[in-house]
């Protein structure tokens, strides 16, 4: 079982980094081959789309960027997807959105209907996100648009079996609460490998 694990947080010592790397170790201990992609480590290599400027991938296409071909190979080789990111202003970090834009350039083909036909073999995805605002505020006021965007992207790519674990009010977390969240995340990582 090959898991592509994607982190979108600039600080490995953050809550996101802790959840990510602890879960990666659990996945490895369970026998999975884990391919770690830390987007901020690779930030200078990731092509950004800048329309009509001659920069990014608007001129010459994505194939000119080594990160694109490498990322395509890694994504297409994966059986499972594990993603961790913080919520920034109700959405995923820009670097995660850009990564999703790159993925949607090759991982599907269009036949009919609202969704693509997958060209990849990913059957399950586990997403962990956190925010300083409370979960109830995100659910009632902002509808947690970051998670909704990822869910729709997964459906479009043909990844219909996914779970989200969302942590709110991060500034109020005690170590006991962090440990409790981590235990629940590790249970979900077992689900990911089944």
C-alpha atoms as a PDB file:
ATOM      1  CA  UNK A   1       0.000   0.000   0.000  1.00  0.00           C
ATOM      2  CA  UNK A   2       1.502   3.314  -1.103  1.00  0.00           C
ATOM      3  CA  UNK A   3       0.314   6.497   0.623  1.00  0.00           C
ATOM      4  CA  UNK A   4       1.041   9.952  -0.762  1.00  0.00           C
ATOM      5  CA  UNK A   5       1.215  12.187   2.329  1.00  0.00           C
ATOM      6  CA  UNK A   6       0.947  15.922   1.607  1.00  0.00           C
ATOM      7  CA  UNK A   7       1.626  18.646   4.170  1.00  0.00           C
ATOM      8  CA  UNK A   8       0.803  22.316   3.591  1.00  0.00           C
ATOM      9  CA  UNK A   9       2.253  24.126   6.597  1.00  0.00           C
ATOM     10  CA  UNK A  10       5.531  26.082   6.714  1.00  0.00           C
ATOM     11  CA  UNK A  11       6.460  24.962  10.242  1.00  0.00           C
ATOM     12  CA  UNK A  12       7.176  21.304  10.999  1.00  0.00           C
ATOM     13  CA  UNK A  13       6.880  22.052  14.735  1.00  0.00           C
ATOM     14  CA  UNK A  14       3.310  23.325  14.350  1.00  0.00           C
ATOM     15  CA  UNK A  15       0.174  21.412  15.332  1.00  0.00           C
ATOM     16  CA  UNK A  16      -0.267  20.506  11.652  1.00  0.00           C
ATOM     17  CA  UNK A  17       3.315  19.274  11.461  1.00  0.00           C
ATOM     18  CA  UNK A  18       2.904  17.237  14.648  1.00  0.00           C
ATOM     19  CA  UNK A  19      -0.299  15.586  13.382  1.00  0.00           C
ATOM     20  CA  UNK A  20       1.248  14.943   9.982  1.00  0.00           C
ATOM     21  CA  UNK A  21       4.559  13.404  11.027  1.00  0.00           C
ATOM     22  CA  UNK A  22       3.052  11.369  13.888  1.00  0.00           C
ATOM     23  CA  UNK A  23       0.512   9.889  11.472  1.00  0.00           C
ATOM     24  CA  UNK A  24       3.185   9.247   8.826  1.00  0.00           C
ATOM     25  CA  UNK A  25       5.147   7.222  11.398  1.00  0.00           C
ATOM     26  CA  UNK A  26       1.983   5.272  12.301  1.00  0.00           C
ATOM     27  CA  UNK A  27       1.298   4.527   8.628  1.00  0.00           C
ATOM     28  CA  UNK A  28       4.862   3.276   8.171  1.00  0.00           C
ATOM     29  CA  UNK A  29       4.631   1.152  11.319  1.00  0.00           C
ATOM     30  CA  UNK A  30       1.451  -0.393   9.858  1.00  0.00           C
ATOM     31  CA  UNK A  31       3.398  -1.499   6.783  1.00  0.00           C
ATOM     32  CA  UNK A  32       2.521   1.261   4.323  1.00  0.00           C
ATOM     33  CA  UNK A  33       5.065   2.788   1.979  1.00  0.00           C
ATOM     34  CA  UNK A  34       4.686   6.527   2.626  1.00  0.00           C
ATOM     35  CA  UNK A  35       5.774   9.130   0.094  1.00  0.00           C
ATOM     36  CA  UNK A  36       6.051  12.481   1.943  1.00  0.00           C
ATOM     37  CA  UNK A  37       5.467  15.706   0.026  1.00  0.00           C
ATOM     38  CA  UNK A  38       6.026  18.820   2.151  1.00  0.00           C
ATOM     39  CA  UNK A  39       4.768  21.604  -0.103  1.00  0.00           C
ATOM     40  CA  UNK A  40       6.545  24.419   1.705  1.00  0.00           C
ATOM     41  CA  UNK A  41       9.897  22.641   1.435  1.00  0.00           C
ATOM     42  CA  UNK A  42       9.318  22.565  -2.341  1.00  0.00           C
ATOM     43  CA  UNK A  43       7.690  26.020  -2.618  1.00  0.00           C
ATOM     44  CA  UNK A  44      10.348  27.465  -4.928  1.00  0.00           C
ATOM     45  CA  UNK A  45       9.873  24.601  -7.403  1.00  0.00           C
ATOM     46  CA  UNK A  46       6.079  24.662  -7.642  1.00  0.00           C
ATOM     47  CA  UNK A  47       4.775  26.346 -10.798  1.00  0.00           C
ATOM     48  CA  UNK A  48       2.112  28.976 -10.251  1.00  0.00           C
ATOM     49  CA  UNK A  49      -0.299  29.997 -12.946  1.00  0.00           C
ATOM     50  CA  UNK A  50      -0.079  33.663 -13.909  1.00  0.00           C
ATOM     51  CA  UNK A  51      -2.344  34.209 -16.933  1.00  0.00           C
ATOM     52  CA  UNK A  52      -0.961  36.130 -19.876  1.00  0.00           C
ATOM     53  CA  UNK A  53       2.248  37.157 -18.147  1.00  0.00           C
ATOM     54  CA  UNK A  54       4.665  34.684 -19.664  1.00  0.00           C
ATOM     55  CA  UNK A  55       5.343  33.400 -16.145  1.00  0.00           C
ATOM     56  CA  UNK A  56       4.192  30.334 -14.303  1.00  0.00           C
ATOM     57  CA  UNK A  57       2.632  27.749 -16.562  1.00  0.00           C
ATOM     58  CA  UNK A  58       0.641  30.076 -18.789  1.00  0.00           C
ATOM     59  CA  UNK A  59       3.501  30.007 -21.316  1.00  0.00           C
ATOM     60  CA  UNK A  60       5.007  26.697 -22.374  1.00  0.00           C
ATOM     61  CA  UNK A  61       2.786  24.433 -20.281  1.00  0.00           C
ATOM     62  CA  UNK A  62       3.403  22.522 -17.102  1.00  0.00           C
ATOM     63  CA  UNK A  63       5.764  19.984 -18.668  1.00  0.00           C
ATOM     64  CA  UNK A  64       8.564  22.551 -18.514  1.00  0.00           C
ATOM     65  CA  UNK A  65       8.627  22.283 -14.708  1.00  0.00           C
ATOM     66  CA  UNK A  66      10.371  19.262 -13.122  1.00  0.00           C
ATOM     67  CA  UNK A  67       8.054  19.465 -10.090  1.00  0.00           C
ATOM     68  CA  UNK A  68       5.047  18.837 -12.342  1.00  0.00           C
ATOM     69  CA  UNK A  69       6.382  15.602 -13.838  1.00  0.00           C
ATOM     70  CA  UNK A  70       7.681  14.367 -10.479  1.00  0.00           C
ATOM     71  CA  UNK A  71       4.396  15.186  -8.742  1.00  0.00           C
ATOM     72  CA  UNK A  72       2.424  13.459 -11.470  1.00  0.00           C
ATOM     73  CA  UNK A  73       4.500  10.307 -11.096  1.00  0.00           C
ATOM     74  CA  UNK A  74       4.103  10.326  -7.304  1.00  0.00           C
ATOM     75  CA  UNK A  75       0.338  10.940  -7.384  1.00  0.00           C
ATOM     76  CA  UNK A  76      -0.296   8.324 -10.054  1.00  0.00           C
ATOM     77  CA  UNK A  77       1.712   5.723  -8.072  1.00  0.00           C
ATOM     78  CA  UNK A  78      -0.312   6.230  -4.879  1.00  0.00           C
ATOM     79  CA  UNK A  79      -3.086   3.987  -3.565  1.00  0.00           C
ATOM     80  CA  UNK A  80      -4.124   6.346  -0.769  1.00  0.00           C
ATOM     81  CA  UNK A  81      -3.900  10.063  -0.062  1.00  0.00           C
ATOM     82  CA  UNK A  82      -3.205  11.709   3.306  1.00  0.00           C
ATOM     83  CA  UNK A  83      -3.412  15.515   3.495  1.00  0.00           C
ATOM     84  CA  UNK A  84      -2.817  17.934   6.383  1.00  0.00           C
ATOM     85  CA  UNK A  85      -3.241  21.705   6.316  1.00  0.00           C
ATOM     86  CA  UNK A  86      -4.460  24.594   8.459  1.00  0.00           C
ATOM     87  CA  UNK A  87      -7.536  26.609   7.519  1.00  0.00           C
ATOM     88  CA  UNK A  88      -6.520  30.131   6.469  1.00  0.00           C
ATOM     89  CA  UNK A  89      -9.413  32.581   6.200  1.00  0.00           C
ATOM     90  CA  UNK A  90     -11.992  29.833   5.643  1.00  0.00           C
ATOM     91  CA  UNK A  91     -10.017  28.045   2.949  1.00  0.00           C
ATOM     92  CA  UNK A  92      -7.000  25.876   2.261  1.00  0.00           C
ATOM     93  CA  UNK A  93      -3.603  27.598   2.092  1.00  0.00           C
ATOM     94  CA  UNK A  94      -2.804  28.946  -1.361  1.00  0.00           C
ATOM     95  CA  UNK A  95       0.015  26.430  -1.820  1.00  0.00           C
ATOM     96  CA  UNK A  96      -2.462  23.554  -1.306  1.00  0.00           C
ATOM     97  CA  UNK A  97      -4.896  25.075  -3.801  1.00  0.00           C
ATOM     98  CA  UNK A  98      -2.077  25.382  -6.312  1.00  0.00           C
ATOM     99  CA  UNK A  99      -1.111  21.722  -5.759  1.00  0.00           C
ATOM    100  CA  UNK A 100      -4.730  20.698  -6.396  1.00  0.00           C
ATOM    101  CA  UNK A 101      -4.724  22.758  -9.603  1.00  0.00           C
ATOM    102  CA  UNK A 102      -1.631  20.878 -10.764  1.00  0.00           C
ATOM    103  CA  UNK A 103      -3.164  17.477  -9.921  1.00  0.00           C
ATOM    104  CA  UNK A 104      -6.340  18.256 -11.857  1.00  0.00           C
ATOM    105  CA  UNK A 105      -4.260  18.683 -15.005  1.00  0.00           C
ATOM    106  CA  UNK A 106      -3.548  14.954 -15.385  1.00  0.00           C
ATOM    107  CA  UNK A 107      -5.381  12.671 -12.926  1.00  0.00           C
ATOM    108  CA  UNK A 108      -8.669  12.339 -14.798  1.00  0.00           C
ATOM    109  CA  UNK A 109     -10.286  12.245 -18.211  1.00  0.00           C
ATOM    110  CA  UNK A 110     -13.671  13.574 -19.215  1.00  0.00           C
ATOM    111  CA  UNK A 111     -16.300  11.220 -20.561  1.00  0.00           C
ATOM    112  CA  UNK A 112     -19.701  12.493 -19.395  1.00  0.00           C
ATOM    113  CA  UNK A 113     -21.436  13.889 -16.355  1.00  0.00           C
ATOM    114  CA  UNK A 114     -20.180  16.390 -13.793  1.00  0.00           C
ATOM    115  CA  UNK A 115     -17.129  14.386 -12.691  1.00  0.00           C
ATOM    116  CA  UNK A 116     -14.028  13.069 -14.370  1.00  0.00           C
ATOM    117  CA  UNK A 117     -13.070   9.454 -14.840  1.00  0.00           C
ATOM    118  CA  UNK A 118     -10.017   8.755 -12.682  1.00  0.00           C
ATOM    119  CA  UNK A 119      -6.736   7.866 -14.327  1.00  0.00           C
ATOM    120  CA  UNK A 120      -5.126   7.290 -10.917  1.00  0.00           C
ATOM    121  CA  UNK A 121      -5.641   4.415  -8.462  1.00  0.00           C
ATOM    122  CA  UNK A 122      -6.286   6.330  -5.226  1.00  0.00           C
ATOM    123  CA  UNK A 123      -9.303   4.793  -3.483  1.00  0.00           C
ATOM    124  CA  UNK A 124      -9.310   6.621  -0.129  1.00  0.00           C
ATOM    125  CA  UNK A 125      -8.248   9.984   1.251  1.00  0.00           C
ATOM    126  CA  UNK A 126      -7.802  11.181   4.806  1.00  0.00           C
ATOM    127  CA  UNK A 127      -7.709  14.929   5.421  1.00  0.00           C
ATOM    128  CA  UNK A 128      -6.774  16.631   8.682  1.00  0.00           C
ATOM    129  CA  UNK A 129      -7.201  20.366   9.106  1.00  0.00           C
ATOM    130  CA  UNK A 130      -7.145  22.809  11.964  1.00  0.00           C
ATOM    131  CA  UNK A 131      -8.201  26.369  12.600  1.00  0.00           C
ATOM    132  CA  UNK A 132      -8.042  28.928  15.357  1.00  0.00           C
ATOM    133  CA  UNK A 133     -11.793  29.541  15.005  1.00  0.00           C
ATOM    134  CA  UNK A 134     -14.204  27.059  16.523  1.00  0.00           C
ATOM    135  CA  UNK A 135     -15.707  24.264  14.451  1.00  0.00           C
ATOM    136  CA  UNK A 136     -19.260  25.457  15.173  1.00  0.00           C
ATOM    137  CA  UNK A 137     -18.424  28.905  13.784  1.00  0.00           C
ATOM    138  CA  UNK A 138     -16.949  27.361  10.637  1.00  0.00           C
ATOM    139  CA  UNK A 139     -19.910  25.034  10.184  1.00  0.00           C
ATOM    140  CA  UNK A 140     -22.624  27.619  10.828  1.00  0.00           C
ATOM    141  CA  UNK A 141     -21.098  30.801   9.447  1.00  0.00           C
ATOM    142  CA  UNK A 142     -18.533  29.918   6.793  1.00  0.00           C
ATOM    143  CA  UNK A 143     -19.641  26.384   5.893  1.00  0.00           C
ATOM    144  CA  UNK A 144     -15.945  25.485   6.044  1.00  0.00           C
ATOM    145  CA  UNK A 145     -15.329  26.274   2.391  1.00  0.00           C
ATOM    146  CA  UNK A 146     -11.796  24.813   2.472  1.00  0.00           C
ATOM    147  CA  UNK A 147     -13.108  21.345   3.244  1.00  0.00           C
ATOM    148  CA  UNK A 148     -15.991  21.713   0.809  1.00  0.00           C
ATOM    149  CA  UNK A 149     -13.549  22.625  -1.970  1.00  0.00           C
ATOM    150  CA  UNK A 150     -11.413  19.558  -1.250  1.00  0.00           C
ATOM    151  CA  UNK A 151     -14.459  17.272  -1.132  1.00  0.00           C
ATOM    152  CA  UNK A 152     -15.641  18.514  -4.518  1.00  0.00           C
ATOM    153  CA  UNK A 153     -12.130  18.139  -5.951  1.00  0.00           C
ATOM    154  CA  UNK A 154     -11.971  14.564  -4.662  1.00  0.00           C
ATOM    155  CA  UNK A 155     -15.352  13.760  -6.222  1.00  0.00           C
ATOM    156  CA  UNK A 156     -14.266  15.297  -9.500  1.00  0.00           C
ATOM    157  CA  UNK A 157     -11.107  13.169  -9.449  1.00  0.00           C
ATOM    158  CA  UNK A 158     -13.085  10.025  -8.601  1.00  0.00           C
ATOM    159  CA  UNK A 159     -11.974   9.707  -4.962  1.00  0.00           C
ATOM    160  CA  UNK A 160     -15.325   9.015  -3.335  1.00  0.00           C
ATOM    161  CA  UNK A 161     -14.155   7.388  -0.112  1.00  0.00           C
ATOM    162  CA  UNK A 162     -12.729  10.102   2.137  1.00  0.00           C
ATOM    163  CA  UNK A 163     -12.763  11.252   5.743  1.00  0.00           C
ATOM    164  CA  UNK A 164     -12.091  14.681   7.191  1.00  0.00           C
ATOM    165  CA  UNK A 165     -10.986  15.344  10.734  1.00  0.00           C
ATOM    166  CA  UNK A 166     -11.255  18.988  11.711  1.00  0.00           C
ATOM    167  CA  UNK A 167      -9.819  20.593  14.823  1.00  0.00           C
ATOM    168  CA  UNK A 168     -11.103  23.988  15.900  1.00  0.00           C
ATOM    169  CA  UNK A 169     -10.136  26.499  18.571  1.00  0.00           C
ATOM    170  CA  UNK A 170      -6.465  25.532  18.315  1.00  0.00           C
ATOM    171  CA  UNK A 171      -5.362  28.387  20.557  1.00  0.00           C
ATOM    172  CA  UNK A 172      -7.324  26.791  23.420  1.00  0.00           C
ATOM    173  CA  UNK A 173      -5.947  23.264  23.088  1.00  0.00           C
ATOM    174  CA  UNK A 174      -4.348  21.678  26.119  1.00  0.00           C
ATOM    175  CA  UNK A 175      -1.837  18.850  25.738  1.00  0.00           C
ATOM    176  CA  UNK A 176      -4.552  16.413  26.821  1.00  0.00           C
ATOM    177  CA  UNK A 177      -6.823  17.650  24.029  1.00  0.00           C
ATOM    178  CA  UNK A 178      -3.992  17.435  21.474  1.00  0.00           C
ATOM    179  CA  UNK A 179      -3.345  13.857  22.610  1.00  0.00           C
ATOM    180  CA  UNK A 180      -7.059  13.064  22.314  1.00  0.00           C
ATOM    181  CA  UNK A 181      -7.207  14.439  18.781  1.00  0.00           C
ATOM    182  CA  UNK A 182      -4.049  12.535  17.866  1.00  0.00           C
ATOM    183  CA  UNK A 183      -5.562   9.245  19.074  1.00  0.00           C
ATOM    184  CA  UNK A 184      -8.640   9.817  16.889  1.00  0.00           C
ATOM    185  CA  UNK A 185      -6.477  10.709  13.896  1.00  0.00           C
ATOM    186  CA  UNK A 186      -4.434   7.535  14.309  1.00  0.00           C
ATOM    187  CA  UNK A 187      -7.671   5.494  14.345  1.00  0.00           C
ATOM    188  CA  UNK A 188      -8.575   7.103  11.047  1.00  0.00           C
ATOM    189  CA  UNK A 189      -5.148   6.277   9.659  1.00  0.00           C
ATOM    190  CA  UNK A 190      -5.964   2.599  10.299  1.00  0.00           C
ATOM    191  CA  UNK A 191      -9.146   3.112   8.248  1.00  0.00           C
ATOM    192  CA  UNK A 192      -7.084   4.642   5.443  1.00  0.00           C
ATOM    193  CA  UNK A 193      -5.054   1.449   5.020  1.00  0.00           C
ATOM    194  CA  UNK A 194      -7.987  -0.989   5.021  1.00  0.00           C
END
